Amino acid sequence: MESRGDGFGKGLLLGTLFGGVIGGVLGVIIANRLTAQSRPQPVKAAGNSNNLRQNLEEKINQLNETIDQVRDQLAQASAAASEPVPEPSGRESP
């Protein structure tokens, strides 16, 4: 009976080591493939960089135009607020 127990322990130890090695190797292979797929390609990244830069410049220009429009509107509003309000004609002041 003891030989069976020793055989089981050795088999368990051997299976654990073998399974750990195989699992580790498979884990490394799978991890490398997943990270390789998620990495951008250098040629694509350069093209995307130019597109992103152009889009960013367009957005900045749009924001600058909007800021100028708001400044003009505020200037007009403050000029209108500083002008005296004329009294309505046809009414007598008490």
N, C-alpha and C. Protein backbone atom coordinates (compact mmCIF):
# COMPACT_ATOMS: atom_id res chain seq x y z
N MET A 1 0.80 -1.20 0.00
CA MET A 1 0.00 0.00 0.00
C MET A 1 0.84 1.26 0.00
N GLU A 2 1.95 1.17 0.67
CA GLU A 2 2.78 2.36 0.73
C GLU A 2 3.36 2.69 -0.62
N SER A 3 3.59 1.71 -1.46
CA SER A 3 4.13 1.99 -2.79
C SER A 3 3.12 2.77 -3.63
N ARG A 4 1.84 2.46 -3.40
CA ARG A 4 0.82 3.24 -4.12
C ARG A 4 0.81 4.68 -3.65
N GLY A 5 0.95 4.89 -2.36
CA GLY A 5 0.98 6.24 -1.82
C GLY A 5 2.18 7.01 -2.31
N ASP A 6 3.33 6.34 -2.35
CA ASP A 6 4.53 7.00 -2.86
C ASP A 6 4.38 7.30 -4.35
N GLY A 7 3.77 6.40 -5.09
CA GLY A 7 3.56 6.60 -6.52
C GLY A 7 2.61 7.76 -6.77
N PHE A 8 1.58 7.87 -5.93
CA PHE A 8 0.62 8.96 -6.07
C PHE A 8 1.30 10.30 -5.81
N GLY A 9 2.10 10.35 -4.76
CA GLY A 9 2.80 11.60 -4.42
C GLY A 9 3.77 12.01 -5.50
N LYS A 10 4.52 11.03 -6.02
CA LYS A 10 5.47 11.33 -7.10
C LYS A 10 4.74 11.77 -8.35
N GLY A 11 3.62 11.10 -8.66
CA GLY A 11 2.83 11.46 -9.83
C GLY A 11 2.22 12.85 -9.70
N LEU A 12 1.76 13.15 -8.49
CA LEU A 12 1.18 14.46 -8.24
C LEU A 12 2.26 15.54 -8.39
N LEU A 13 3.42 15.30 -7.83
CA LEU A 13 4.52 16.26 -7.93
C LEU A 13 4.96 16.43 -9.38
N LEU A 14 5.12 15.31 -10.09
CA LEU A 14 5.53 15.36 -11.49
C LEU A 14 4.47 16.07 -12.34
N GLY A 15 3.20 15.77 -12.11
CA GLY A 15 2.11 16.40 -12.85
C GLY A 15 2.03 17.90 -12.57
N THR A 16 2.26 18.28 -11.33
CA THR A 16 2.24 19.69 -10.97
C THR A 16 3.37 20.44 -11.64
N LEU A 17 4.57 19.86 -11.60
CA LEU A 17 5.71 20.52 -12.24
C LEU A 17 5.53 20.59 -13.74
N PHE A 18 5.13 19.46 -14.34
CA PHE A 18 4.94 19.41 -15.79
C PHE A 18 3.82 20.36 -16.21
N GLY A 19 2.72 20.35 -15.48
CA GLY A 19 1.61 21.26 -15.78
C GLY A 19 1.99 22.71 -15.59
N GLY A 20 2.79 23.00 -14.58
CA GLY A 20 3.23 24.37 -14.35
C GLY A 20 4.13 24.88 -15.46
N VAL A 21 5.01 24.01 -15.92
CA VAL A 21 5.92 24.40 -17.00
C VAL A 21 5.13 24.62 -18.29
N ILE A 22 4.27 23.67 -18.62
CA ILE A 22 3.46 23.79 -19.85
C ILE A 22 2.55 25.02 -19.75
N GLY A 23 1.91 25.19 -18.61
CA GLY A 23 1.03 26.35 -18.42
C GLY A 23 1.79 27.66 -18.52
N GLY A 24 2.99 27.70 -17.96
CA GLY A 24 3.80 28.92 -18.04
C GLY A 24 4.21 29.26 -19.46
N VAL A 25 4.63 28.23 -20.21
CA VAL A 25 5.03 28.45 -21.60
C VAL A 25 3.83 28.91 -22.43
N LEU A 26 2.70 28.26 -22.25
CA LEU A 26 1.50 28.67 -22.99
C LEU A 26 1.08 30.09 -22.61
N GLY A 27 1.19 30.40 -21.32
CA GLY A 27 0.84 31.75 -20.87
C GLY A 27 1.71 32.82 -21.51
N VAL A 28 2.99 32.56 -21.62
CA VAL A 28 3.91 33.51 -22.24
C VAL A 28 3.60 33.68 -23.72
N ILE A 29 3.34 32.58 -24.40
CA ILE A 29 3.03 32.64 -25.83
C ILE A 29 1.74 33.43 -26.06
N ILE A 30 0.72 33.14 -25.29
CA ILE A 30 -0.56 33.84 -25.46
C ILE A 30 -0.41 35.32 -25.12
N ALA A 31 0.31 35.63 -24.05
CA ALA A 31 0.50 37.03 -23.67
C ALA A 31 1.25 37.80 -24.76
N ASN A 32 2.26 37.17 -25.34
CA ASN A 32 3.01 37.84 -26.41
C ASN A 32 2.14 38.09 -27.63
N ARG A 33 1.30 37.16 -27.97
CA ARG A 33 0.42 37.35 -29.13
C ARG A 33 -0.59 38.44 -28.88
N LEU A 34 -1.14 38.48 -27.67
CA LEU A 34 -2.14 39.51 -27.36
C LEU A 34 -1.51 40.90 -27.36
N THR A 35 -0.32 41.05 -26.80
CA THR A 35 0.31 42.37 -26.78
C THR A 35 0.79 42.76 -28.17
N ALA A 36 1.19 41.79 -28.99
CA ALA A 36 1.62 42.11 -30.36
C ALA A 36 0.45 42.63 -31.18
N GLN A 37 -0.74 42.11 -30.95
CA GLN A 37 -1.92 42.55 -31.68
C GLN A 37 -2.35 43.94 -31.24
N SER A 38 -2.13 44.28 -29.98
CA SER A 38 -2.58 45.57 -29.48
C SER A 38 -1.58 46.69 -29.76
N ARG A 39 -0.36 46.37 -30.15
CA ARG A 39 0.64 47.39 -30.47
C ARG A 39 0.33 48.00 -31.82
N PRO A 40 0.39 49.33 -31.94
CA PRO A 40 0.17 49.94 -33.25
C PRO A 40 1.37 49.70 -34.15
N GLN A 41 1.11 49.57 -35.42
CA GLN A 41 2.18 49.39 -36.39
C GLN A 41 2.88 50.73 -36.60
N PRO A 42 4.20 50.76 -36.76
CA PRO A 42 4.91 52.03 -36.90
C PRO A 42 4.44 52.87 -38.09
N VAL A 43 4.16 52.27 -39.22
CA VAL A 43 3.73 53.02 -40.38
C VAL A 43 2.34 53.61 -40.14
N LYS A 44 1.47 52.82 -39.57
CA LYS A 44 0.13 53.31 -39.28
C LYS A 44 0.17 54.41 -38.24
N ALA A 45 1.02 54.27 -37.25
CA ALA A 45 1.10 55.27 -36.19
C ALA A 45 1.56 56.62 -36.74
N ALA A 46 2.49 56.60 -37.68
CA ALA A 46 2.97 57.85 -38.27
C ALA A 46 1.86 58.53 -39.05
N GLY A 47 1.09 57.77 -39.81
CA GLY A 47 -0.02 58.34 -40.56
C GLY A 47 -1.10 58.85 -39.64
N ASN A 48 -1.40 58.11 -38.60
CA ASN A 48 -2.41 58.53 -37.64
C ASN A 48 -1.96 59.78 -36.90
N SER A 49 -0.67 59.90 -36.66
CA SER A 49 -0.15 61.06 -35.96
C SER A 49 -0.39 62.33 -36.77
N ASN A 50 -0.17 62.25 -38.06
CA ASN A 50 -0.41 63.41 -38.92
C ASN A 50 -1.89 63.76 -38.96
N ASN A 51 -2.74 62.75 -39.06
CA ASN A 51 -4.18 62.99 -39.07
C ASN A 51 -4.64 63.58 -37.75
N LEU A 52 -4.13 63.04 -36.66
CA LEU A 52 -4.51 63.56 -35.35
C LEU A 52 -4.06 65.01 -35.20
N ARG A 53 -2.88 65.31 -35.68
CA ARG A 53 -2.37 66.68 -35.58
C ARG A 53 -3.24 67.64 -36.39
N GLN A 54 -3.60 67.23 -37.61
CA GLN A 54 -4.45 68.09 -38.44
C GLN A 54 -5.81 68.30 -37.80
N ASN A 55 -6.39 67.23 -37.25
CA ASN A 55 -7.69 67.36 -36.58
C ASN A 55 -7.58 68.28 -35.38
N LEU A 56 -6.49 68.16 -34.64
CA LEU A 56 -6.31 69.01 -33.48
C LEU A 56 -6.16 70.47 -33.88
N GLU A 57 -5.41 70.73 -34.95
CA GLU A 57 -5.25 72.10 -35.42
C GLU A 57 -6.59 72.68 -35.88
N GLU A 58 -7.40 71.86 -36.54
CA GLU A 58 -8.73 72.33 -36.97
C GLU A 58 -9.60 72.67 -35.77
N LYS A 59 -9.56 71.83 -34.76
CA LYS A 59 -10.36 72.09 -33.55
C LYS A 59 -9.89 73.36 -32.86
N ILE A 60 -8.58 73.57 -32.82
CA ILE A 60 -8.06 74.79 -32.19
C ILE A 60 -8.50 76.02 -32.96
N ASN A 61 -8.47 75.95 -34.29
CA ASN A 61 -8.94 77.08 -35.11
C ASN A 61 -10.42 77.35 -34.87
N GLN A 62 -11.23 76.29 -34.78
CA GLN A 62 -12.65 76.46 -34.51
C GLN A 62 -12.87 77.11 -33.15
N LEU A 63 -12.11 76.67 -32.15
CA LEU A 63 -12.24 77.26 -30.82
C LEU A 63 -11.82 78.74 -30.83
N ASN A 64 -10.76 79.07 -31.54
CA ASN A 64 -10.32 80.46 -31.62
C ASN A 64 -11.38 81.33 -32.28
N GLU A 65 -12.01 80.83 -33.35
CA GLU A 65 -13.08 81.57 -34.01
C GLU A 65 -14.26 81.78 -33.07
N THR A 66 -14.62 80.75 -32.34
CA THR A 66 -15.73 80.86 -31.40
C THR A 66 -15.41 81.86 -30.29
N ILE A 67 -14.18 81.85 -29.81
CA ILE A 67 -13.77 82.80 -28.77
C ILE A 67 -13.86 84.22 -29.30
N ASP A 68 -13.42 84.45 -30.54
CA ASP A 68 -13.52 85.78 -31.14
C ASP A 68 -14.97 86.23 -31.28
N GLN A 69 -15.85 85.32 -31.68
CA GLN A 69 -17.27 85.66 -31.79
C GLN A 69 -17.86 86.03 -30.44
N VAL A 70 -17.52 85.28 -29.42
CA VAL A 70 -18.05 85.57 -28.08
C VAL A 70 -17.52 86.91 -27.58
N ARG A 71 -16.24 87.20 -27.86
CA ARG A 71 -15.68 88.49 -27.46
C ARG A 71 -16.42 89.64 -28.16
N ASP A 72 -16.71 89.47 -29.44
CA ASP A 72 -17.46 90.50 -30.17
C ASP A 72 -18.85 90.69 -29.56
N GLN A 73 -19.52 89.59 -29.26
CA GLN A 73 -20.85 89.69 -28.67
C GLN A 73 -20.80 90.37 -27.30
N LEU A 74 -19.79 90.05 -26.51
CA LEU A 74 -19.66 90.69 -25.20
C LEU A 74 -19.36 92.18 -25.34
N ALA A 75 -18.54 92.53 -26.30
CA ALA A 75 -18.23 93.94 -26.53
C ALA A 75 -19.49 94.70 -26.95
N GLN A 76 -20.29 94.11 -27.82
CA GLN A 76 -21.53 94.74 -28.25
C GLN A 76 -22.50 94.87 -27.08
N ALA A 77 -22.57 93.83 -26.25
CA ALA A 77 -23.49 93.86 -25.12
C ALA A 77 -23.05 94.91 -24.10
N SER A 78 -21.77 95.01 -23.85
CA SER A 78 -21.31 96.01 -22.87
C SER A 78 -21.46 97.42 -23.43
N ALA A 79 -21.28 97.60 -24.74
CA ALA A 79 -21.49 98.91 -25.35
C ALA A 79 -22.96 99.30 -25.27
N ALA A 80 -23.84 98.34 -25.49
CA ALA A 80 -25.28 98.62 -25.42
C ALA A 80 -25.69 98.91 -23.98
N ALA A 81 -25.06 98.28 -23.03
CA ALA A 81 -25.42 98.50 -21.62
C ALA A 81 -24.91 99.85 -21.13
N SER A 82 -23.84 100.36 -21.71
CA SER A 82 -23.29 101.63 -21.25
C SER A 82 -24.00 102.83 -21.87
N GLU A 83 -24.76 102.63 -22.95
CA GLU A 83 -25.52 103.73 -23.56
C GLU A 83 -26.73 104.05 -22.69
N PRO A 84 -27.04 105.33 -22.55
CA PRO A 84 -28.23 105.68 -21.77
C PRO A 84 -29.50 105.26 -22.52
N VAL A 85 -30.45 104.84 -21.76
CA VAL A 85 -31.72 104.40 -22.34
C VAL A 85 -32.57 105.64 -22.59
N PRO A 86 -33.00 105.84 -23.84
CA PRO A 86 -33.82 107.04 -24.11
C PRO A 86 -35.21 106.88 -23.49
N GLU A 87 -35.72 108.01 -23.06
CA GLU A 87 -37.05 107.98 -22.48
C GLU A 87 -38.08 107.88 -23.60
N PRO A 88 -39.13 107.14 -23.35
CA PRO A 88 -40.15 107.03 -24.40
C PRO A 88 -40.82 108.36 -24.66
N SER A 89 -41.04 108.67 -25.90
CA SER A 89 -41.66 109.94 -26.25
C SER A 89 -43.16 109.84 -26.10
N GLY A 90 -43.78 110.96 -25.82
CA GLY A 90 -45.23 110.99 -25.70
C GLY A 90 -45.69 110.85 -24.27
N ARG A 91 -44.81 110.56 -23.37
CA ARG A 91 -45.20 110.48 -21.96
C ARG A 91 -44.60 111.67 -21.21
N GLU A 92 -45.32 112.11 -20.31
CA GLU A 92 -44.84 113.22 -19.52
C GLU A 92 -44.18 112.70 -18.27
N SER A 93 -43.13 113.34 -17.87
CA SER A 93 -42.47 112.96 -16.63
C SER A 93 -43.17 113.63 -15.48
N PRO A 94 -43.39 112.96 -14.39
CA PRO A 94 -44.10 113.59 -13.26
C PRO A 94 -43.27 114.54 -12.47
